[in-house]
N, C-alpha and C. Protein backbone atom coordinates (compact mmCIF):
# COMPACT_ATOMS: atom_id res chain seq x y z
N MET A 1 13.66 -2.56 16.32
CA MET A 1 13.11 -2.65 14.97
C MET A 1 12.73 -4.10 14.70
N GLU A 2 11.50 -4.28 14.29
CA GLU A 2 11.00 -5.61 13.96
C GLU A 2 10.82 -5.70 12.45
N LEU A 3 11.45 -6.70 11.83
CA LEU A 3 11.30 -6.89 10.39
C LEU A 3 10.14 -7.84 10.12
N LEU A 4 9.35 -7.51 9.13
CA LEU A 4 8.19 -8.30 8.76
C LEU A 4 8.42 -8.91 7.38
N HIS A 5 8.30 -10.23 7.28
CA HIS A 5 8.49 -10.94 6.02
C HIS A 5 7.28 -10.69 5.13
N VAL A 6 7.50 -10.13 3.93
CA VAL A 6 6.40 -9.82 3.01
C VAL A 6 6.44 -10.69 1.75
N GLY A 7 7.22 -11.76 1.80
CA GLY A 7 7.24 -12.71 0.70
C GLY A 7 8.55 -12.74 -0.06
N PHE A 8 8.94 -13.95 -0.47
CA PHE A 8 10.10 -14.19 -1.33
C PHE A 8 11.40 -13.61 -0.77
N GLY A 9 11.56 -13.72 0.55
CA GLY A 9 12.78 -13.27 1.20
C GLY A 9 12.86 -11.77 1.42
N ASN A 10 11.79 -11.06 1.15
CA ASN A 10 11.76 -9.61 1.33
C ASN A 10 11.17 -9.25 2.69
N MET A 11 11.73 -8.23 3.32
CA MET A 11 11.26 -7.80 4.63
C MET A 11 11.15 -6.29 4.68
N VAL A 12 10.22 -5.82 5.51
CA VAL A 12 10.07 -4.39 5.75
C VAL A 12 10.06 -4.15 7.25
N ASN A 13 10.35 -2.92 7.65
CA ASN A 13 10.33 -2.54 9.05
C ASN A 13 8.86 -2.45 9.49
N ALA A 14 8.43 -3.35 10.34
CA ALA A 14 7.03 -3.41 10.77
C ALA A 14 6.61 -2.15 11.51
N ASP A 15 7.55 -1.48 12.17
CA ASP A 15 7.23 -0.27 12.92
C ASP A 15 6.90 0.92 12.02
N LYS A 16 7.23 0.83 10.75
CA LYS A 16 7.04 1.94 9.81
C LYS A 16 5.83 1.75 8.89
N ILE A 17 5.06 0.67 9.10
CA ILE A 17 3.89 0.41 8.26
C ILE A 17 2.72 1.27 8.71
N VAL A 18 2.09 1.95 7.76
CA VAL A 18 0.91 2.76 8.03
C VAL A 18 -0.34 1.93 7.75
N ALA A 19 -0.34 1.19 6.62
CA ALA A 19 -1.52 0.42 6.25
C ALA A 19 -1.13 -0.74 5.34
N VAL A 20 -1.93 -1.80 5.40
CA VAL A 20 -1.82 -2.92 4.47
C VAL A 20 -3.20 -3.08 3.86
N VAL A 21 -3.29 -2.87 2.55
CA VAL A 21 -4.59 -2.84 1.88
C VAL A 21 -4.60 -3.72 0.64
N SER A 22 -5.79 -4.05 0.20
CA SER A 22 -5.98 -4.79 -1.04
C SER A 22 -5.76 -3.86 -2.23
N PRO A 23 -5.18 -4.34 -3.31
CA PRO A 23 -4.90 -3.47 -4.46
C PRO A 23 -6.08 -3.29 -5.41
N ASP A 24 -7.26 -3.80 -5.06
CA ASP A 24 -8.37 -3.83 -6.01
C ASP A 24 -9.13 -2.52 -6.17
N GLY A 25 -9.15 -1.69 -5.15
CA GLY A 25 -9.94 -0.45 -5.22
C GLY A 25 -9.30 0.60 -6.10
N ALA A 26 -10.13 1.43 -6.71
CA ALA A 26 -9.64 2.48 -7.60
C ALA A 26 -8.71 3.47 -6.89
N PRO A 27 -9.00 3.89 -5.65
CA PRO A 27 -8.08 4.82 -4.98
C PRO A 27 -6.69 4.22 -4.76
N ILE A 28 -6.64 2.94 -4.45
CA ILE A 28 -5.35 2.28 -4.23
C ILE A 28 -4.62 2.12 -5.55
N LYS A 29 -5.35 1.81 -6.61
CA LYS A 29 -4.72 1.72 -7.94
C LYS A 29 -4.10 3.06 -8.34
N ARG A 30 -4.80 4.17 -8.04
CA ARG A 30 -4.26 5.50 -8.33
C ARG A 30 -3.03 5.77 -7.47
N LEU A 31 -3.10 5.40 -6.20
CA LEU A 31 -1.97 5.61 -5.29
C LEU A 31 -0.73 4.87 -5.79
N VAL A 32 -0.91 3.62 -6.20
CA VAL A 32 0.21 2.82 -6.72
C VAL A 32 0.74 3.42 -8.02
N SER A 33 -0.16 3.85 -8.88
CA SER A 33 0.25 4.45 -10.15
C SER A 33 1.08 5.72 -9.93
N HIS A 34 0.62 6.59 -9.03
CA HIS A 34 1.36 7.81 -8.73
C HIS A 34 2.71 7.49 -8.09
N ALA A 35 2.73 6.49 -7.20
CA ALA A 35 3.98 6.11 -6.55
C ALA A 35 4.97 5.56 -7.57
N LYS A 36 4.48 4.81 -8.56
CA LYS A 36 5.36 4.29 -9.62
C LYS A 36 5.95 5.44 -10.43
N GLU A 37 5.12 6.42 -10.76
CA GLU A 37 5.60 7.58 -11.53
C GLU A 37 6.68 8.34 -10.77
N GLU A 38 6.55 8.39 -9.45
CA GLU A 38 7.48 9.14 -8.62
C GLU A 38 8.65 8.28 -8.12
N GLY A 39 8.66 7.01 -8.48
CA GLY A 39 9.76 6.13 -8.08
C GLY A 39 9.73 5.75 -6.60
N ARG A 40 8.53 5.68 -6.02
CA ARG A 40 8.40 5.36 -4.61
C ARG A 40 7.88 3.94 -4.37
N THR A 41 7.88 3.09 -5.40
CA THR A 41 7.39 1.73 -5.21
C THR A 41 8.54 0.76 -5.02
N ILE A 42 8.27 -0.25 -4.22
CA ILE A 42 9.19 -1.36 -4.02
C ILE A 42 8.39 -2.61 -4.34
N ASP A 43 8.77 -3.30 -5.41
CA ASP A 43 8.03 -4.49 -5.84
C ASP A 43 8.64 -5.72 -5.19
N ALA A 44 7.95 -6.24 -4.18
CA ALA A 44 8.40 -7.43 -3.46
C ALA A 44 7.57 -8.64 -3.87
N SER A 45 6.93 -8.57 -5.03
CA SER A 45 6.04 -9.65 -5.47
C SER A 45 6.73 -10.70 -6.31
N ALA A 46 7.99 -10.49 -6.65
CA ALA A 46 8.77 -11.44 -7.45
C ALA A 46 8.07 -11.78 -8.76
N GLY A 47 7.44 -10.78 -9.36
CA GLY A 47 6.80 -10.98 -10.66
C GLY A 47 5.41 -11.60 -10.60
N ARG A 48 4.93 -11.89 -9.43
CA ARG A 48 3.59 -12.47 -9.28
C ARG A 48 2.56 -11.36 -9.13
N LYS A 49 1.29 -11.76 -9.13
CA LYS A 49 0.20 -10.80 -9.00
C LYS A 49 0.27 -10.13 -7.62
N THR A 50 0.10 -8.82 -7.60
CA THR A 50 0.09 -8.08 -6.35
C THR A 50 -1.23 -8.32 -5.63
N LYS A 51 -1.14 -8.83 -4.40
CA LYS A 51 -2.34 -9.10 -3.61
C LYS A 51 -2.46 -8.18 -2.41
N ALA A 52 -1.36 -7.48 -2.08
CA ALA A 52 -1.39 -6.53 -0.96
C ALA A 52 -0.50 -5.34 -1.28
N VAL A 53 -0.94 -4.18 -0.85
CA VAL A 53 -0.17 -2.95 -0.99
C VAL A 53 0.13 -2.48 0.43
N ILE A 54 1.41 -2.31 0.73
CA ILE A 54 1.84 -1.87 2.05
C ILE A 54 2.28 -0.42 1.93
N ILE A 55 1.64 0.45 2.68
CA ILE A 55 1.97 1.88 2.65
C ILE A 55 2.85 2.17 3.87
N MET A 56 4.00 2.75 3.60
CA MET A 56 4.99 3.01 4.65
C MET A 56 4.92 4.48 5.10
N GLU A 57 5.46 4.75 6.29
CA GLU A 57 5.46 6.10 6.85
C GLU A 57 6.10 7.14 5.94
N ASN A 58 7.17 6.75 5.25
CA ASN A 58 7.90 7.70 4.41
C ASN A 58 7.27 7.90 3.03
N GLY A 59 6.10 7.28 2.79
CA GLY A 59 5.42 7.45 1.52
C GLY A 59 5.73 6.38 0.50
N ASN A 60 6.69 5.52 0.79
CA ASN A 60 6.97 4.41 -0.12
C ASN A 60 5.81 3.43 -0.12
N VAL A 61 5.64 2.73 -1.23
CA VAL A 61 4.58 1.76 -1.39
C VAL A 61 5.23 0.42 -1.75
N VAL A 62 4.96 -0.59 -0.94
CA VAL A 62 5.53 -1.92 -1.15
C VAL A 62 4.44 -2.82 -1.73
N LEU A 63 4.74 -3.48 -2.83
CA LEU A 63 3.80 -4.41 -3.47
C LEU A 63 4.17 -5.83 -3.08
N SER A 64 3.20 -6.58 -2.58
CA SER A 64 3.46 -7.94 -2.11
C SER A 64 2.51 -8.93 -2.76
N ALA A 65 2.98 -10.15 -2.96
CA ALA A 65 2.16 -11.21 -3.52
C ALA A 65 1.39 -11.95 -2.42
N LEU A 66 1.60 -11.58 -1.17
CA LEU A 66 0.87 -12.19 -0.06
C LEU A 66 -0.44 -11.45 0.15
N LEU A 67 -1.44 -12.16 0.68
CA LEU A 67 -2.71 -11.52 1.00
C LEU A 67 -2.56 -10.60 2.20
N PRO A 68 -3.35 -9.53 2.28
CA PRO A 68 -3.28 -8.64 3.44
C PRO A 68 -3.50 -9.39 4.76
N GLU A 69 -4.38 -10.38 4.75
CA GLU A 69 -4.65 -11.15 5.97
C GLU A 69 -3.42 -11.94 6.40
N THR A 70 -2.65 -12.44 5.46
CA THR A 70 -1.43 -13.17 5.76
C THR A 70 -0.40 -12.24 6.39
N ILE A 71 -0.27 -11.06 5.83
CA ILE A 71 0.68 -10.08 6.38
C ILE A 71 0.25 -9.66 7.77
N ARG A 72 -1.05 -9.42 7.98
CA ARG A 72 -1.53 -9.06 9.31
C ARG A 72 -1.23 -10.16 10.31
N GLY A 73 -1.42 -11.41 9.91
CA GLY A 73 -1.14 -12.53 10.79
C GLY A 73 0.32 -12.59 11.18
N ARG A 74 1.20 -12.18 10.31
CA ARG A 74 2.63 -12.20 10.60
C ARG A 74 3.06 -11.06 11.52
N THR A 75 2.22 -10.05 11.66
CA THR A 75 2.56 -8.94 12.56
C THR A 75 2.35 -9.31 14.02
N GLY A 76 1.50 -10.30 14.28
CA GLY A 76 1.21 -10.66 15.65
C GLY A 76 0.16 -9.78 16.27
N VAL A 77 -0.48 -8.92 15.47
CA VAL A 77 -1.53 -8.04 15.97
C VAL A 77 -2.83 -8.80 16.02
N ASP A 78 -3.54 -8.71 17.15
CA ASP A 78 -4.83 -9.37 17.30
C ASP A 78 -5.92 -8.54 16.66
N ASP A 79 -7.05 -9.17 16.33
CA ASP A 79 -8.19 -8.45 15.76
C ASP A 79 -8.78 -7.47 16.75
N ASP A 80 -8.58 -7.71 18.05
CA ASP A 80 -9.17 -6.87 19.09
C ASP A 80 -8.47 -5.53 19.23
N GLU A 81 -7.25 -5.40 18.75
CA GLU A 81 -6.47 -4.17 18.93
C GLU A 81 -6.88 -3.10 17.97
């Protein structure tokens, strides 16, 4: 199990991440809204503006104040993969 730092001392299991997306699009805003209603959100933004939404295998949604590009860089995944 590899833990991925998503900001402010918070970490998630990198093996369980399905997607890391920007929160700006309407479909992602709806997804976050529904997840909040269902209690499936984890706010790892420490009260700051959400810049990335991390969707996990189990349906949980993690909100991060880091940019998606920053999170991708921390995974060690190359652009070629």
